[in-house]
PDB file of N, CA and C in Angstrom:
ATOM      1  N   UNK A   1     -38.211  10.947  -9.175  1.00  0.00           N
ATOM      2  CA  UNK A   1     -38.356  11.653  -9.520  1.00  0.00           C
ATOM      3  C   UNK A   1     -37.108  12.770  -9.286  1.00  0.00           C
ATOM      4  N   UNK A   2     -37.142  13.256 -10.860  1.00  0.00           N
ATOM      5  CA  UNK A   2     -35.496  13.958 -10.893  1.00  0.00           C
ATOM      6  C   UNK A   2     -35.917  16.140 -10.904  1.00  0.00           C
ATOM      7  N   UNK A   3     -34.628  16.672 -10.402  1.00  0.00           N
ATOM      8  CA  UNK A   3     -34.985  18.063 -11.157  1.00  0.00           C
ATOM      9  C   UNK A   3     -34.300  18.281 -12.048  1.00  0.00           C
ATOM     10  N   UNK A   4     -34.750  19.012 -13.806  1.00  0.00           N
ATOM     11  CA  UNK A   4     -33.736  19.154 -14.049  1.00  0.00           C
ATOM     12  C   UNK A   4     -34.181  20.036 -14.760  1.00  0.00           C
ATOM     13  N   UNK A   5     -33.386  20.806 -15.880  1.00  0.00           N
ATOM     14  CA  UNK A   5     -33.854  22.224 -16.484  1.00  0.00           C
ATOM     15  C   UNK A   5     -35.520  22.590 -16.686  1.00  0.00           C
ATOM     16  N   UNK A   6     -36.307  21.709 -17.203  1.00  0.00           N
ATOM     17  CA  UNK A   6     -37.368  21.628 -17.386  1.00  0.00           C
ATOM     18  C   UNK A   6     -38.438  21.248 -16.143  1.00  0.00           C
ATOM     19  N   UNK A   7     -37.446  21.629 -15.011  1.00  0.00           N
ATOM     20  CA  UNK A   7     -38.933  21.728 -13.824  1.00  0.00           C
ATOM     21  C   UNK A   7     -38.785  19.626 -13.049  1.00  0.00           C
ATOM     22  N   UNK A   8     -39.367  19.313 -12.710  1.00  0.00           N
ATOM     23  CA  UNK A   8     -39.720  18.014 -11.642  1.00  0.00           C
ATOM     24  C   UNK A   8     -39.804  17.086 -13.091  1.00  0.00           C
ATOM     25  N   UNK A   9     -38.981  15.854 -13.464  1.00  0.00           N
ATOM     26  CA  UNK A   9     -38.824  14.970 -14.407  1.00  0.00           C
ATOM     27  C   UNK A   9     -39.236  13.297 -14.146  1.00  0.00           C
ATOM     28  N   UNK A  10     -39.233  12.214 -14.397  1.00  0.00           N
ATOM     29  CA  UNK A  10     -39.308  11.258 -13.852  1.00  0.00           C
ATOM     30  C   UNK A  10     -37.916  10.037 -14.046  1.00  0.00           C
ATOM     31  N   UNK A  11     -37.438   9.622 -13.449  1.00  0.00           N
ATOM     32  CA  UNK A  11     -36.660   9.394 -13.321  1.00  0.00           C
ATOM     33  C   UNK A  11     -36.330   8.397 -14.408  1.00  0.00           C
ATOM     34  N   UNK A  12     -34.858   8.619 -14.905  1.00  0.00           N
ATOM     35  CA  UNK A  12     -34.489   7.575 -16.027  1.00  0.00           C
ATOM     36  C   UNK A  12     -33.520   6.799 -15.802  1.00  0.00           C
ATOM     37  N   UNK A  13     -33.939   5.544 -16.269  1.00  0.00           N
ATOM     38  CA  UNK A  13     -32.598   4.362 -16.295  1.00  0.00           C
ATOM     39  C   UNK A  13     -31.764   5.081 -16.009  1.00  0.00           C
ATOM     40  N   UNK A  14     -30.649   4.601 -15.140  1.00  0.00           N
ATOM     41  CA  UNK A  14     -29.073   5.039 -15.260  1.00  0.00           C
ATOM     42  C   UNK A  14     -28.245   4.646 -16.447  1.00  0.00           C
ATOM     43  N   UNK A  15     -27.118   4.857 -16.811  1.00  0.00           N
ATOM     44  CA  UNK A  15     -26.715   3.854 -17.811  1.00  0.00           C
ATOM     45  C   UNK A  15     -25.068   3.347 -17.339  1.00  0.00           C
ATOM     46  N   UNK A  16     -24.492   3.019 -17.658  1.00  0.00           N
ATOM     47  CA  UNK A  16     -23.031   2.829 -17.533  1.00  0.00           C
ATOM     48  C   UNK A  16     -22.556   3.519 -16.892  1.00  0.00           C
ATOM     49  N   UNK A  17     -22.394   4.872 -17.594  1.00  0.00           N
ATOM     50  CA  UNK A  17     -21.743   6.717 -16.878  1.00  0.00           C
ATOM     51  C   UNK A  17     -22.459   7.387 -15.642  1.00  0.00           C
ATOM     52  N   UNK A  18     -23.439   6.325 -15.410  1.00  0.00           N
ATOM     53  CA  UNK A  18     -24.270   6.879 -14.260  1.00  0.00           C
ATOM     54  C   UNK A  18     -24.231   6.595 -12.726  1.00  0.00           C
ATOM     55  N   UNK A  19     -23.814   7.401 -12.079  1.00  0.00           N
ATOM     56  CA  UNK A  19     -23.648   7.423 -10.399  1.00  0.00           C
ATOM     57  C   UNK A  19     -24.512   8.518  -9.748  1.00  0.00           C
ATOM     58  N   UNK A  20     -25.194   7.472  -8.525  1.00  0.00           N
ATOM     59  CA  UNK A  20     -26.049   8.982  -7.527  1.00  0.00           C
ATOM     60  C   UNK A  20     -25.311   8.956  -6.322  1.00  0.00           C
ATOM     61  N   UNK A  21     -25.393  10.460  -6.104  1.00  0.00           N
ATOM     62  CA  UNK A  21     -24.729  10.464  -4.896  1.00  0.00           C
ATOM     63  C   UNK A  21     -25.832  10.322  -3.454  1.00  0.00           C
ATOM     64  N   UNK A  22     -25.774  10.131  -2.442  1.00  0.00           N
ATOM     65  CA  UNK A  22     -27.181   9.970  -1.361  1.00  0.00           C
ATOM     66  C   UNK A  22     -27.073  11.571  -0.458  1.00  0.00           C
ATOM     67  N   UNK A  23     -27.948  11.814  -0.513  1.00  0.00           N
ATOM     68  CA  UNK A  23     -27.652  13.212  -0.320  1.00  0.00           C
ATOM     69  C   UNK A  23     -26.875  13.650   1.239  1.00  0.00           C
ATOM     70  N   UNK A  24     -26.858  12.510   2.038  1.00  0.00           N
ATOM     71  CA  UNK A  24     -26.378  13.088   3.130  1.00  0.00           C
ATOM     72  C   UNK A  24     -24.893  12.377   3.147  1.00  0.00           C
ATOM     73  N   UNK A  25     -24.381  12.250   2.125  1.00  0.00           N
ATOM     74  CA  UNK A  25     -22.984  12.217   1.702  1.00  0.00           C
ATOM     75  C   UNK A  25     -22.671  13.479   0.971  1.00  0.00           C
ATOM     76  N   UNK A  26     -23.112  14.571   1.062  1.00  0.00           N
ATOM     77  CA  UNK A  26     -23.152  16.333   0.041  1.00  0.00           C
ATOM     78  C   UNK A  26     -22.679  17.233   1.658  1.00  0.00           C
ATOM     79  N   UNK A  27     -21.128  17.514   1.132  1.00  0.00           N
ATOM     80  CA  UNK A  27     -20.923  18.577   2.452  1.00  0.00           C
ATOM     81  C   UNK A  27     -21.776  19.679   2.345  1.00  0.00           C
ATOM     82  N   UNK A  28     -22.224  19.526   3.660  1.00  0.00           N
ATOM     83  CA  UNK A  28     -23.666  20.236   4.788  1.00  0.00           C
ATOM     84  C   UNK A  28     -23.403  21.853   4.155  1.00  0.00           C
ATOM     85  N   UNK A  29     -21.701  22.020   4.519  1.00  0.00           N
ATOM     86  CA  UNK A  29     -21.189  23.765   4.677  1.00  0.00           C
ATOM     87  C   UNK A  29     -20.815  24.420   3.461  1.00  0.00           C
ATOM     88  N   UNK A  30     -20.600  23.329   1.945  1.00  0.00           N
ATOM     89  CA  UNK A  30     -20.630  23.519   0.492  1.00  0.00           C
ATOM     90  C   UNK A  30     -21.617  23.699   0.058  1.00  0.00           C
ATOM     91  N   UNK A  31     -21.771  22.409  -0.020  1.00  0.00           N
ATOM     92  CA  UNK A  31     -23.000  22.074  -0.959  1.00  0.00           C
ATOM     93  C   UNK A  31     -21.868  21.830  -2.487  1.00  0.00           C
ATOM     94  N   UNK A  32     -20.898  21.074  -1.927  1.00  0.00           N
ATOM     95  CA  UNK A  32     -19.652  21.472  -2.967  1.00  0.00           C
ATOM     96  C   UNK A  32     -20.230  20.030  -3.439  1.00  0.00           C
ATOM     97  N   UNK A  33     -20.666  19.786  -5.132  1.00  0.00           N
ATOM     98  CA  UNK A  33     -21.532  18.617  -5.865  1.00  0.00           C
ATOM     99  C   UNK A  33     -20.089  18.656  -7.152  1.00  0.00           C
ATOM    100  N   UNK A  34     -19.022  18.849  -6.385  1.00  0.00           N
ATOM    101  CA  UNK A  34     -18.045  18.067  -8.044  1.00  0.00           C
ATOM    102  C   UNK A  34     -17.778  16.484  -7.432  1.00  0.00           C
ATOM    103  N   UNK A  35     -17.944  15.723  -7.438  1.00  0.00           N
ATOM    104  CA  UNK A  35     -17.462  14.479  -7.871  1.00  0.00           C
ATOM    105  C   UNK A  35     -17.084  13.701  -9.061  1.00  0.00           C
ATOM    106  N   UNK A  36     -16.220  13.071  -8.580  1.00  0.00           N
ATOM    107  CA  UNK A  36     -15.633  12.448  -9.681  1.00  0.00           C
ATOM    108  C   UNK A  36     -16.343  11.338 -10.650  1.00  0.00           C
ATOM    109  N   UNK A  37     -16.853  11.543 -11.010  1.00  0.00           N
ATOM    110  CA  UNK A  37     -17.496   9.411 -11.372  1.00  0.00           C
ATOM    111  C   UNK A  37     -17.152   9.115 -11.503  1.00  0.00           C
ATOM    112  N   UNK A  38     -16.993   7.773 -10.686  1.00  0.00           N
ATOM    113  CA  UNK A  38     -16.293   6.854 -10.244  1.00  0.00           C
ATOM    114  C   UNK A  38     -16.734   5.619 -11.336  1.00  0.00           C
ATOM    115  N   UNK A  39     -17.484   5.786 -12.657  1.00  0.00           N
ATOM    116  CA  UNK A  39     -18.176   5.137 -13.948  1.00  0.00           C
ATOM    117  C   UNK A  39     -17.594   5.992 -15.131  1.00  0.00           C
ATOM    118  N   UNK A  40     -16.477   6.479 -14.694  1.00  0.00           N
ATOM    119  CA  UNK A  40     -16.591   7.655 -16.163  1.00  0.00           C
ATOM    120  C   UNK A  40     -15.594   7.181 -16.625  1.00  0.00           C
ATOM    121  N   UNK A  41     -14.365   5.957 -17.445  1.00  0.00           N
ATOM    122  CA  UNK A  41     -13.527   5.704 -17.721  1.00  0.00           C
ATOM    123  C   UNK A  41     -12.787   6.175 -17.821  1.00  0.00           C
ATOM    124  N   UNK A  42     -11.897   6.477 -18.591  1.00  0.00           N
ATOM    125  CA  UNK A  42     -10.241   6.841 -18.577  1.00  0.00           C
ATOM    126  C   UNK A  42     -10.139   8.411 -18.319  1.00  0.00           C
ATOM    127  N   UNK A  43      -9.389   8.390 -17.952  1.00  0.00           N
ATOM    128  CA  UNK A  43      -8.986  10.538 -18.203  1.00  0.00           C
ATOM    129  C   UNK A  43      -8.982  10.590 -19.515  1.00  0.00           C
ATOM    130  N   UNK A  44      -9.434  11.938 -19.669  1.00  0.00           N
ATOM    131  CA  UNK A  44      -9.069  12.477 -21.588  1.00  0.00           C
ATOM    132  C   UNK A  44      -7.693  13.195 -21.718  1.00  0.00           C
ATOM    133  N   UNK A  45      -6.972  13.146 -21.579  1.00  0.00           N
ATOM    134  CA  UNK A  45      -5.937  14.046 -22.506  1.00  0.00           C
ATOM    135  C   UNK A  45      -6.305  15.463 -23.385  1.00  0.00           C
ATOM    136  N   UNK A  46      -6.497  16.534 -23.434  1.00  0.00           N
ATOM    137  CA  UNK A  46      -6.584  16.667 -24.187  1.00  0.00           C
ATOM    138  C   UNK A  46      -5.484  18.061 -24.519  1.00  0.00           C
ATOM    139  N   UNK A  47      -5.269  17.851 -26.224  1.00  0.00           N
ATOM    140  CA  UNK A  47      -3.767  18.861 -27.248  1.00  0.00           C
ATOM    141  C   UNK A  47      -4.130  20.020 -26.768  1.00  0.00           C
ATOM    142  N   UNK A  48      -3.232  21.153 -27.056  1.00  0.00           N
ATOM    143  CA  UNK A  48      -3.207  21.770 -26.805  1.00  0.00           C
ATOM    144  C   UNK A  48      -3.565  22.980 -28.272  1.00  0.00           C
ATOM    145  N   UNK A  49      -3.131  23.840 -28.406  1.00  0.00           N
ATOM    146  CA  UNK A  49      -4.070  24.475 -29.312  1.00  0.00           C
ATOM    147  C   UNK A  49      -2.833  25.062 -30.580  1.00  0.00           C
ATOM    148  N   UNK A  50      -2.040  24.581 -30.455  1.00  0.00           N
ATOM    149  CA  UNK A  50       0.098  24.675 -30.689  1.00  0.00           C
ATOM    150  C   UNK A  50      -0.670  23.328 -31.758  1.00  0.00           C
ATOM    151  N   UNK A  51      -0.322  21.918 -30.447  1.00  0.00           N
ATOM    152  CA  UNK A  51       0.228  20.848 -31.372  1.00  0.00           C
ATOM    153  C   UNK A  51      -1.543  21.245 -32.304  1.00  0.00           C
ATOM    154  N   UNK A  52      -3.084  20.754 -32.238  1.00  0.00           N
ATOM    155  CA  UNK A  52      -3.972  20.925 -33.156  1.00  0.00           C
ATOM    156  C   UNK A  52      -3.010  21.593 -34.585  1.00  0.00           C
ATOM    157  N   UNK A  53      -2.953  23.272 -34.346  1.00  0.00           N
ATOM    158  CA  UNK A  53      -2.984  23.620 -35.536  1.00  0.00           C
ATOM    159  C   UNK A  53      -1.796  23.150 -36.347  1.00  0.00           C
ATOM    160  N   UNK A  54      -0.386  22.884 -35.420  1.00  0.00           N
ATOM    161  CA  UNK A  54       0.633  21.737 -36.461  1.00  0.00           C
ATOM    162  C   UNK A  54      -0.238  20.342 -36.878  1.00  0.00           C
ATOM    163  N   UNK A  55      -0.702  20.222 -36.455  1.00  0.00           N
ATOM    164  CA  UNK A  55      -1.780  18.894 -37.177  1.00  0.00           C
ATOM    165  C   UNK A  55      -2.199  19.513 -38.002  1.00  0.00           C
ATOM    166  N   UNK A  56      -3.154  20.252 -37.848  1.00  0.00           N
ATOM    167  CA  UNK A  56      -3.633  20.944 -38.830  1.00  0.00           C
ATOM    168  C   UNK A  56      -3.065  21.287 -40.462  1.00  0.00           C
ATOM    169  N   UNK A  57      -1.789  21.864 -39.832  1.00  0.00           N
ATOM    170  CA  UNK A  57      -1.055  22.470 -41.097  1.00  0.00           C
ATOM    171  C   UNK A  57      -0.862  21.000 -41.540  1.00  0.00           C
ATOM    172  N   UNK A  58       0.809  19.886 -40.994  1.00  0.00           N
ATOM    173  CA  UNK A  58       0.531  18.827 -41.509  1.00  0.00           C
ATOM    174  C   UNK A  58      -0.631  18.126 -42.179  1.00  0.00           C
ATOM    175  N   UNK A  59      -1.692  17.815 -42.166  1.00  0.00           N
ATOM    176  CA  UNK A  59      -3.027  17.260 -42.919  1.00  0.00           C
ATOM    177  C   UNK A  59      -3.054  18.278 -43.642  1.00  0.00           C
ATOM    178  N   UNK A  60      -2.841  19.534 -44.417  1.00  0.00           N
ATOM    179  CA  UNK A  60      -3.447  20.349 -45.243  1.00  0.00           C
ATOM    180  C   UNK A  60      -1.738  20.260 -46.509  1.00  0.00           C
ATOM    181  N   UNK A  61      -0.478  20.474 -45.562  1.00  0.00           N
ATOM    182  CA  UNK A  61       0.654  19.530 -46.801  1.00  0.00           C
ATOM    183  C   UNK A  61       0.294  18.318 -47.454  1.00  0.00           C
ATOM    184  N   UNK A  62       0.055  17.035 -46.504  1.00  0.00           N
ATOM    185  CA  UNK A  62      -0.488  16.282 -47.172  1.00  0.00           C
ATOM    186  C   UNK A  62      -1.813  16.094 -48.321  1.00  0.00           C
ATOM    187  N   UNK A  63      -2.237  17.164 -47.607  1.00  0.00           N
ATOM    188  CA  UNK A  63      -3.679  16.590 -48.621  1.00  0.00           C
ATOM    189  C   UNK A  63      -3.191  17.848 -49.919  1.00  0.00           C
ATOM    190  N   UNK A  64      -2.845  18.411 -50.227  1.00  0.00           N
ATOM    191  CA  UNK A  64      -1.884  19.367 -51.135  1.00  0.00           C
ATOM    192  C   UNK A  64      -0.855  18.975 -52.408  1.00  0.00           C
ATOM    193  N   UNK A  65       0.046  17.933 -51.379  1.00  0.00           N
ATOM    194  CA  UNK A  65       0.836  17.004 -52.629  1.00  0.00           C
ATOM    195  C   UNK A  65       0.178  16.008 -52.923  1.00  0.00           C
ATOM    196  N   UNK A  66      -1.474  15.232 -52.221  1.00  0.00           N
ATOM    197  CA  UNK A  66      -2.168  14.261 -52.919  1.00  0.00           C
ATOM    198  C   UNK A  66      -2.646  15.089 -53.991  1.00  0.00           C
ATOM    199  N   UNK A  67      -3.792  16.548 -53.862  1.00  0.00           N
ATOM    200  CA  UNK A  67      -3.821  16.911 -54.729  1.00  0.00           C
ATOM    201  C   UNK A  67      -3.033  17.344 -56.087  1.00  0.00           C
ATOM    202  N   UNK A  68      -1.846  17.698 -55.888  1.00  0.00           N
ATOM    203  CA  UNK A  68      -0.977  17.876 -57.319  1.00  0.00           C
ATOM    204  C   UNK A  68      -0.573  16.687 -57.894  1.00  0.00           C
ATOM    205  N   UNK A  69      -0.707  15.428 -57.145  1.00  0.00           N
ATOM    206  CA  UNK A  69      -0.351  14.161 -57.824  1.00  0.00           C
ATOM    207  C   UNK A  69      -1.354  13.830 -58.594  1.00  0.00           C
ATOM    208  N   UNK A  70      -3.347  14.026 -58.007  1.00  0.00           N
ATOM    209  CA  UNK A  70      -4.272  13.917 -59.214  1.00  0.00           C
ATOM    210  C   UNK A  70      -3.706  15.020 -60.331  1.00  0.00           C
ATOM    211  N   UNK A  71      -3.635  16.232 -59.614  1.00  0.00           N
ATOM    212  CA  UNK A  71      -3.393  17.377 -61.456  1.00  0.00           C
ATOM    213  C   UNK A  71      -2.804  16.968 -62.530  1.00  0.00           C
ATOM    214  N   UNK A  72      -1.585  16.376 -61.602  1.00  0.00           N
ATOM    215  CA  UNK A  72      -0.618  15.939 -63.013  1.00  0.00           C
ATOM    216  C   UNK A  72      -1.333  13.951 -63.389  1.00  0.00           C
ATOM    217  N   UNK A  73      -1.991  13.130 -63.071  1.00  0.00           N
ATOM    218  CA  UNK A  73      -2.449  12.607 -63.859  1.00  0.00           C
ATOM    219  C   UNK A  73      -3.901  13.536 -64.562  1.00  0.00           C
ATOM    220  N   UNK A  74      -4.013  14.611 -64.674  1.00  0.00           N
ATOM    221  CA  UNK A  74      -5.402  15.026 -65.324  1.00  0.00           C
ATOM    222  C   UNK A  74      -4.625  15.392 -66.323  1.00  0.00           C
TER     223      UNK A  74
END
């Protein structure tokens, strides 16, 4: 059984990204549970808002060119 937001639920099968921590290995003074998943794969680097906005603007400009080409064909 495991504790979830819905109370105690039956254990679920582990997936390749699952990991378990022995309760004895948890720091008893801080109860810090911020462990790094050893099966989590590579770290994801997120782009900043400015980079995302620049890409959106570039894609919008590209779409506008394509639409203009289609209009010329009509």
